[in-house]
N, C-alpha and C. Protein backbone atom coordinates (compact mmCIF):
# COMPACT_ATOMS: atom_id res chain seq x y z
N MET A 1 28.04 -17.81 38.33
CA MET A 1 28.32 -16.63 37.59
C MET A 1 29.39 -16.91 36.54
N CYS A 2 29.51 -15.95 35.64
CA CYS A 2 30.47 -16.09 34.55
C CYS A 2 31.79 -15.47 34.97
N THR A 3 32.83 -16.16 34.67
CA THR A 3 34.14 -15.59 34.91
C THR A 3 34.59 -14.85 33.67
N THR A 4 35.68 -14.15 33.79
CA THR A 4 36.17 -13.37 32.66
C THR A 4 36.61 -14.27 31.52
N SER A 5 37.14 -15.42 31.79
CA SER A 5 37.56 -16.32 30.72
C SER A 5 36.34 -16.89 30.00
N VAL A 6 35.26 -17.15 30.74
CA VAL A 6 34.04 -17.67 30.11
C VAL A 6 33.41 -16.56 29.25
N LYS A 7 33.44 -15.30 29.74
CA LYS A 7 32.90 -14.18 28.97
C LYS A 7 33.70 -13.98 27.67
N ALA A 8 35.00 -14.11 27.74
CA ALA A 8 35.84 -13.93 26.56
C ALA A 8 35.55 -15.03 25.54
N VAL A 9 35.39 -16.26 26.00
CA VAL A 9 35.09 -17.37 25.10
C VAL A 9 33.71 -17.16 24.47
N TRP A 10 32.74 -16.69 25.28
CA TRP A 10 31.38 -16.46 24.79
C TRP A 10 31.36 -15.36 23.71
N LYS A 11 32.13 -14.25 23.94
CA LYS A 11 32.22 -13.17 22.95
C LYS A 11 32.89 -13.66 21.68
N LYS A 12 33.92 -14.50 21.85
CA LYS A 12 34.63 -15.02 20.70
C LYS A 12 33.72 -15.91 19.86
N GLN A 13 32.95 -16.74 20.50
CA GLN A 13 32.03 -17.62 19.78
C GLN A 13 30.92 -16.80 19.09
N ARG A 14 30.44 -15.76 19.78
CA ARG A 14 29.38 -14.93 19.22
C ARG A 14 29.86 -14.20 17.98
N LEU A 15 31.10 -13.74 17.97
CA LEU A 15 31.62 -13.02 16.82
C LEU A 15 31.85 -13.95 15.63
N HIS A 16 32.09 -15.20 15.89
CA HIS A 16 32.35 -16.14 14.80
C HIS A 16 31.06 -16.75 14.24
N THR A 17 29.93 -16.49 14.79
CA THR A 17 28.67 -17.07 14.31
C THR A 17 27.74 -15.98 13.79
N VAL A 18 28.20 -15.22 12.83
CA VAL A 18 27.39 -14.15 12.25
C VAL A 18 26.97 -14.51 10.82
N GLN A 19 26.85 -15.78 10.53
CA GLN A 19 26.50 -16.20 9.18
C GLN A 19 25.10 -15.73 8.79
N GLY A 20 24.18 -15.69 9.71
CA GLY A 20 22.84 -15.21 9.44
C GLY A 20 22.82 -13.73 9.11
N ASN A 21 23.66 -12.96 9.78
CA ASN A 21 23.74 -11.52 9.50
C ASN A 21 24.26 -11.24 8.10
N VAL A 22 25.22 -12.03 7.62
CA VAL A 22 25.76 -11.85 6.28
C VAL A 22 24.65 -12.10 5.26
N SER A 23 23.82 -13.09 5.47
CA SER A 23 22.72 -13.38 4.56
C SER A 23 21.72 -12.22 4.52
N VAL A 24 21.42 -11.64 5.65
CA VAL A 24 20.49 -10.51 5.70
C VAL A 24 21.08 -9.31 4.98
N TYR A 25 22.36 -9.04 5.19
CA TYR A 25 23.01 -7.93 4.50
C TYR A 25 22.99 -8.15 2.98
N PHE A 26 23.33 -9.35 2.56
CA PHE A 26 23.31 -9.66 1.13
C PHE A 26 21.91 -9.51 0.56
N LEU A 27 20.90 -9.99 1.27
CA LEU A 27 19.52 -9.89 0.81
C LEU A 27 19.08 -8.43 0.69
N SER A 28 19.42 -7.61 1.66
CA SER A 28 19.01 -6.20 1.60
C SER A 28 19.70 -5.48 0.43
N VAL A 29 20.98 -5.75 0.20
CA VAL A 29 21.68 -5.14 -0.93
C VAL A 29 21.09 -5.64 -2.25
N PHE A 30 20.80 -6.92 -2.33
CA PHE A 30 20.21 -7.50 -3.54
C PHE A 30 18.84 -6.88 -3.83
N LEU A 31 18.02 -6.71 -2.81
CA LEU A 31 16.70 -6.09 -3.00
C LEU A 31 16.82 -4.63 -3.42
N LEU A 32 17.76 -3.92 -2.85
CA LEU A 32 17.97 -2.53 -3.21
C LEU A 32 18.40 -2.41 -4.68
N VAL A 33 19.35 -3.21 -5.10
CA VAL A 33 19.82 -3.19 -6.49
C VAL A 33 18.70 -3.60 -7.44
N SER A 34 17.93 -4.62 -7.08
CA SER A 34 16.81 -5.06 -7.92
C SER A 34 15.76 -3.97 -8.07
N THR A 35 15.47 -3.25 -7.00
CA THR A 35 14.50 -2.17 -7.06
C THR A 35 14.98 -1.04 -7.96
N ILE A 36 16.23 -0.69 -7.85
CA ILE A 36 16.79 0.39 -8.68
C ILE A 36 16.77 -0.02 -10.15
N ILE A 37 17.14 -1.24 -10.45
CA ILE A 37 17.15 -1.71 -11.83
C ILE A 37 15.74 -1.76 -12.40
N SER A 38 14.77 -2.23 -11.64
CA SER A 38 13.39 -2.30 -12.14
C SER A 38 12.80 -0.90 -12.34
N ALA A 39 13.13 0.05 -11.47
CA ALA A 39 12.66 1.42 -11.65
C ALA A 39 13.26 2.03 -12.91
N PHE A 40 14.52 1.78 -13.16
CA PHE A 40 15.19 2.27 -14.36
C PHE A 40 14.58 1.64 -15.62
N ALA A 41 14.31 0.33 -15.57
CA ALA A 41 13.71 -0.35 -16.73
C ALA A 41 12.31 0.18 -17.02
N THR A 42 11.53 0.46 -15.98
CA THR A 42 10.19 1.02 -16.17
C THR A 42 10.27 2.41 -16.78
N LEU A 43 11.20 3.21 -16.34
CA LEU A 43 11.39 4.56 -16.89
C LEU A 43 11.76 4.49 -18.37
N MET A 44 12.66 3.59 -18.72
CA MET A 44 13.07 3.44 -20.13
C MET A 44 11.91 2.95 -20.98
N GLN A 45 11.09 2.06 -20.45
CA GLN A 45 9.93 1.56 -21.18
C GLN A 45 8.94 2.69 -21.45
N GLN A 46 8.70 3.53 -20.47
CA GLN A 46 7.79 4.66 -20.65
C GLN A 46 8.33 5.66 -21.68
N ARG A 47 9.62 5.92 -21.63
CA ARG A 47 10.22 6.83 -22.60
C ARG A 47 10.12 6.27 -24.02
N PHE A 48 10.36 4.97 -24.16
CA PHE A 48 10.27 4.34 -25.47
C PHE A 48 8.85 4.41 -26.01
N ALA A 49 7.85 4.16 -25.16
CA ALA A 49 6.45 4.26 -25.58
C ALA A 49 6.11 5.69 -26.00
N ALA A 50 6.62 6.67 -25.29
CA ALA A 50 6.36 8.07 -25.64
C ALA A 50 7.00 8.42 -26.98
N ILE A 51 8.20 7.93 -27.23
CA ILE A 51 8.87 8.20 -28.51
C ILE A 51 8.09 7.58 -29.66
N LEU A 52 7.61 6.35 -29.49
CA LEU A 52 6.81 5.71 -30.53
C LEU A 52 5.51 6.46 -30.78
N SER A 53 4.89 6.93 -29.71
CA SER A 53 3.65 7.69 -29.85
C SER A 53 3.89 9.00 -30.60
N LEU A 54 4.97 9.69 -30.29
CA LEU A 54 5.31 10.93 -31.00
C LEU A 54 5.62 10.68 -32.47
N GLU A 55 6.28 9.57 -32.75
CA GLU A 55 6.59 9.23 -34.13
C GLU A 55 5.31 8.98 -34.93
N THR A 56 4.36 8.28 -34.35
CA THR A 56 3.08 8.04 -35.02
C THR A 56 2.31 9.33 -35.23
N ALA A 57 2.29 10.18 -34.21
CA ALA A 57 1.60 11.47 -34.33
C ALA A 57 2.23 12.32 -35.42
N GLN A 58 3.53 12.27 -35.57
CA GLN A 58 4.21 13.03 -36.61
C GLN A 58 3.84 12.52 -38.00
N LYS A 59 3.71 11.20 -38.16
CA LYS A 59 3.28 10.65 -39.45
C LYS A 59 1.89 11.17 -39.82
N TYR A 60 0.98 11.17 -38.86
CA TYR A 60 -0.37 11.68 -39.12
C TYR A 60 -0.33 13.16 -39.48
N GLN A 61 0.45 13.92 -38.75
CA GLN A 61 0.51 15.37 -38.99
C GLN A 61 1.07 15.67 -40.38
N ILE A 62 2.09 14.96 -40.80
CA ILE A 62 2.68 15.18 -42.12
C ILE A 62 1.67 14.84 -43.21
N ALA A 63 0.96 13.71 -43.05
CA ALA A 63 -0.04 13.33 -44.05
C ALA A 63 -1.16 14.36 -44.12
N GLU A 64 -1.64 14.83 -42.97
CA GLU A 64 -2.70 15.84 -42.96
C GLU A 64 -2.24 17.14 -43.59
N MET A 65 -1.00 17.52 -43.33
CA MET A 65 -0.46 18.75 -43.89
C MET A 65 -0.38 18.66 -45.42
N GLU A 66 0.06 17.52 -45.95
CA GLU A 66 0.15 17.35 -47.39
C GLU A 66 -1.23 17.40 -48.04
N VAL A 67 -2.22 16.82 -47.39
CA VAL A 67 -3.58 16.84 -47.94
C VAL A 67 -4.13 18.26 -47.96
N ILE A 68 -3.93 19.00 -46.90
CA ILE A 68 -4.44 20.38 -46.84
C ILE A 68 -3.73 21.25 -47.87
N GLN A 69 -2.43 21.05 -48.06
CA GLN A 69 -1.71 21.81 -49.09
C GLN A 69 -2.22 21.46 -50.49
N ALA A 70 -2.51 20.18 -50.73
CA ALA A 70 -3.06 19.78 -52.03
C ALA A 70 -4.44 20.37 -52.24
N LEU A 71 -5.23 20.45 -51.17
CA LEU A 71 -6.56 21.05 -51.27
C LEU A 71 -6.45 22.53 -51.62
N LYS A 72 -5.55 23.25 -50.98
CA LYS A 72 -5.35 24.67 -51.29
C LYS A 72 -4.93 24.85 -52.75
N CYS A 73 -4.06 23.98 -53.22
CA CYS A 73 -3.62 24.05 -54.61
C CYS A 73 -4.79 23.75 -55.55
N ALA A 74 -5.60 22.76 -55.20
CA ALA A 74 -6.75 22.41 -56.03
C ALA A 74 -7.76 23.54 -56.07
N LEU A 75 -7.93 24.24 -54.96
CA LEU A 75 -8.87 25.36 -54.94
C LEU A 75 -8.38 26.51 -55.83
N CYS A 76 -7.08 26.69 -55.89
CA CYS A 76 -6.53 27.74 -56.75
C CYS A 76 -6.69 27.40 -58.23
N THR A 77 -6.58 26.12 -58.57
CA THR A 77 -6.67 25.71 -59.98
C THR A 77 -8.09 25.34 -60.39
N GLY A 78 -8.99 25.16 -59.42
CA GLY A 78 -10.37 24.83 -59.74
C GLY A 78 -10.61 23.35 -59.99
N ALA A 79 -9.77 22.47 -59.46
CA ALA A 79 -9.94 21.02 -59.64
C ALA A 79 -11.12 20.52 -58.82
N VAL A 80 -11.77 19.47 -59.30
CA VAL A 80 -12.92 18.89 -58.61
C VAL A 80 -12.50 17.70 -57.76
N SER A 81 -11.50 16.96 -58.18
CA SER A 81 -11.05 15.78 -57.45
C SER A 81 -9.53 15.72 -57.50
N VAL A 82 -8.93 15.32 -56.42
CA VAL A 82 -7.48 15.21 -56.32
C VAL A 82 -7.15 13.85 -55.75
N SER A 83 -6.14 13.18 -56.28
CA SER A 83 -5.74 11.88 -55.72
C SER A 83 -4.23 11.77 -55.69
N SER A 84 -3.73 11.43 -54.57
CA SER A 84 -2.33 11.12 -54.31
C SER A 84 -1.36 12.27 -54.51
N SER A 85 -0.28 12.14 -53.79
CA SER A 85 0.86 13.02 -53.96
C SER A 85 2.09 12.14 -53.90
N GLU A 86 3.24 12.75 -53.80
CA GLU A 86 4.47 11.99 -53.82
C GLU A 86 4.62 11.04 -52.63
N ASN A 87 4.32 11.55 -51.42
CA ASN A 87 4.57 10.77 -50.21
C ASN A 87 3.30 10.24 -49.54
N THR A 88 2.15 10.66 -50.00
CA THR A 88 0.90 10.27 -49.36
C THR A 88 -0.09 9.81 -50.42
N VAL A 89 -0.73 8.68 -50.16
CA VAL A 89 -1.75 8.18 -51.08
C VAL A 89 -3.11 8.48 -50.47
N TYR A 90 -3.92 9.23 -51.21
CA TYR A 90 -5.23 9.62 -50.71
C TYR A 90 -6.18 9.84 -51.88
N GLN A 91 -7.45 9.88 -51.55
CA GLN A 91 -8.49 10.22 -52.52
C GLN A 91 -9.31 11.35 -51.93
N MET A 92 -9.47 12.44 -52.69
CA MET A 92 -10.16 13.62 -52.17
C MET A 92 -11.32 13.97 -53.09
N GLU A 93 -12.46 14.22 -52.47
CA GLU A 93 -13.63 14.70 -53.21
C GLU A 93 -13.95 16.10 -52.69
N ILE A 94 -14.01 17.05 -53.60
CA ILE A 94 -14.24 18.44 -53.22
C ILE A 94 -15.68 18.81 -53.58
N SER A 95 -16.42 19.28 -52.60
CA SER A 95 -17.77 19.79 -52.85
C SER A 95 -17.83 21.22 -52.31
N SER A 96 -18.98 21.83 -52.31
CA SER A 96 -19.08 23.24 -51.92
C SER A 96 -18.79 23.43 -50.44
N GLY A 97 -17.65 23.98 -50.14
CA GLY A 97 -17.28 24.32 -48.77
C GLY A 97 -16.74 23.17 -47.93
N THR A 98 -16.77 21.95 -48.47
CA THR A 98 -16.30 20.80 -47.71
C THR A 98 -15.54 19.86 -48.64
N ALA A 99 -14.46 19.31 -48.13
CA ALA A 99 -13.71 18.29 -48.87
C ALA A 99 -13.64 17.03 -48.02
N TYR A 100 -13.87 15.90 -48.66
CA TYR A 100 -13.81 14.61 -47.97
C TYR A 100 -12.58 13.87 -48.48
N VAL A 101 -11.74 13.45 -47.54
CA VAL A 101 -10.46 12.85 -47.90
C VAL A 101 -10.33 11.50 -47.21
N GLU A 102 -9.84 10.52 -47.95
CA GLU A 102 -9.51 9.22 -47.37
C GLU A 102 -8.04 8.95 -47.65
N ILE A 103 -7.24 8.94 -46.59
CA ILE A 103 -5.80 8.68 -46.71
C ILE A 103 -5.58 7.19 -46.47
N THR A 104 -4.84 6.55 -47.40
CA THR A 104 -4.59 5.11 -47.25
C THR A 104 -3.14 4.76 -46.95
N TRP A 105 -2.21 5.67 -47.27
CA TRP A 105 -0.80 5.39 -46.97
C TRP A 105 -0.08 6.69 -46.73
N PRO A 106 0.80 6.86 -45.82
CA PRO A 106 1.45 5.94 -44.89
C PRO A 106 0.61 5.63 -43.66
N VAL A 107 -0.45 6.37 -43.44
CA VAL A 107 -1.35 6.09 -42.32
C VAL A 107 -2.77 6.00 -42.88
N ARG A 108 -3.66 5.38 -42.13
CA ARG A 108 -5.05 5.27 -42.57
C ARG A 108 -5.90 6.23 -41.76
N GLU A 109 -6.58 7.14 -42.45
CA GLU A 109 -7.49 8.04 -41.77
C GLU A 109 -8.44 8.67 -42.79
N THR A 110 -9.54 9.17 -42.27
CA THR A 110 -10.47 9.93 -43.10
C THR A 110 -10.55 11.33 -42.53
N MET A 111 -10.65 12.30 -43.43
CA MET A 111 -10.68 13.70 -43.03
C MET A 111 -11.87 14.40 -43.67
N THR A 112 -12.44 15.32 -42.92
CA THR A 112 -13.43 16.24 -43.44
C THR A 112 -12.87 17.64 -43.25
N VAL A 113 -12.67 18.35 -44.37
CA VAL A 113 -12.03 19.66 -44.33
C VAL A 113 -13.07 20.71 -44.71
N VAL A 114 -13.20 21.74 -43.87
CA VAL A 114 -14.12 22.85 -44.14
C VAL A 114 -13.29 24.03 -44.61
N TYR A 115 -13.68 24.61 -45.76
CA TYR A 115 -12.90 25.71 -46.33
C TYR A 115 -13.84 26.77 -46.91
N ASP A 116 -13.26 27.92 -47.24
CA ASP A 116 -14.00 29.00 -47.87
C ASP A 116 -13.74 28.94 -49.38
N GLU A 117 -14.80 28.89 -50.15
CA GLU A 117 -14.65 28.74 -51.60
C GLU A 117 -14.02 29.97 -52.27
N GLN A 118 -14.37 31.16 -51.81
CA GLN A 118 -13.86 32.37 -52.46
C GLN A 118 -12.38 32.60 -52.16
N SER A 119 -12.01 32.53 -50.89
CA SER A 119 -10.63 32.84 -50.53
C SER A 119 -9.71 31.62 -50.56
N GLY A 120 -10.27 30.42 -50.48
CA GLY A 120 -9.45 29.21 -50.47
C GLY A 120 -8.82 28.93 -49.13
N LYS A 121 -9.30 29.58 -48.06
CA LYS A 121 -8.74 29.35 -46.72
C LYS A 121 -9.41 28.14 -46.08
N VAL A 122 -8.61 27.37 -45.38
CA VAL A 122 -9.12 26.21 -44.65
C VAL A 122 -9.45 26.67 -43.25
N PHE A 123 -10.71 26.47 -42.87
CA PHE A 123 -11.15 26.89 -41.54
C PHE A 123 -10.92 25.82 -40.49
N ASP A 124 -11.27 24.60 -40.82
CA ASP A 124 -11.22 23.53 -39.82
C ASP A 124 -11.16 22.19 -40.53
N PHE A 125 -10.68 21.18 -39.83
CA PHE A 125 -10.77 19.82 -40.36
C PHE A 125 -10.96 18.85 -39.20
N HIS A 126 -11.60 17.76 -39.51
CA HIS A 126 -11.84 16.70 -38.53
C HIS A 126 -11.25 15.42 -39.10
N ALA A 127 -10.41 14.77 -38.32
CA ALA A 127 -9.75 13.55 -38.78
C ALA A 127 -10.13 12.38 -37.90
N VAL A 128 -10.42 11.26 -38.53
CA VAL A 128 -10.67 10.00 -37.82
C VAL A 128 -9.52 9.08 -38.17
N ARG A 129 -8.73 8.74 -37.18
CA ARG A 129 -7.53 7.94 -37.41
C ARG A 129 -7.89 6.47 -37.27
N LEU A 130 -7.93 5.77 -38.39
CA LEU A 130 -8.37 4.38 -38.40
C LEU A 130 -7.32 3.45 -37.82
N ASP A 131 -6.03 3.73 -38.05
CA ASP A 131 -4.98 2.91 -37.48
C ASP A 131 -4.97 3.00 -35.97
N ALA A 132 -5.21 4.18 -35.43
CA ALA A 132 -5.21 4.37 -33.96
C ALA A 132 -6.36 3.61 -33.34
N GLU A 133 -7.54 3.57 -34.00
CA GLU A 133 -8.67 2.83 -33.47
C GLU A 133 -8.37 1.33 -33.46
N ALA A 134 -7.70 0.84 -34.47
CA ALA A 134 -7.36 -0.59 -34.53
C ALA A 134 -6.38 -0.95 -33.42
N GLN A 135 -5.46 -0.06 -33.09
CA GLN A 135 -4.48 -0.34 -32.03
C GLN A 135 -5.14 -0.35 -30.66
N THR A 136 -6.12 0.53 -30.41
CA THR A 136 -6.74 0.57 -29.09
C THR A 136 -7.76 -0.54 -28.91
N ASP A 137 -8.34 -1.05 -30.02
CA ASP A 137 -9.32 -2.14 -29.91
C ASP A 137 -8.63 -3.45 -29.60
N GLY A 138 -7.41 -3.65 -30.10
CA GLY A 138 -6.72 -4.94 -29.95
C GLY A 138 -6.15 -5.04 -28.64
């Protein structure tokens, strides 16, 4: 059997040999910190992608708005063809009730605009975004 002095020596030796436990503690803390950092990096990456997507959508919206405003102005003055404005480069062909537009700068897209000839109101438009198609194909 073990005497009290042998038990005390055994406890003392056991307390001094915890090197494996320190490694496990360090590993668990390291894994926890790595997981938190990677989750934060993924969140920031998603936010950055969303900001870039919103910025691109805003460029398209501004270009479309300028084209529609130019079309309304052309309908008031009776113009047959309109090309370019200050911030947007485009070519527009106006026919009865429909206008065909090709925007080349700052974004590339083609638009078909349906309007009323008498009142000059724009009812609907359909846009094909050529830059967006090139980004999804690649």
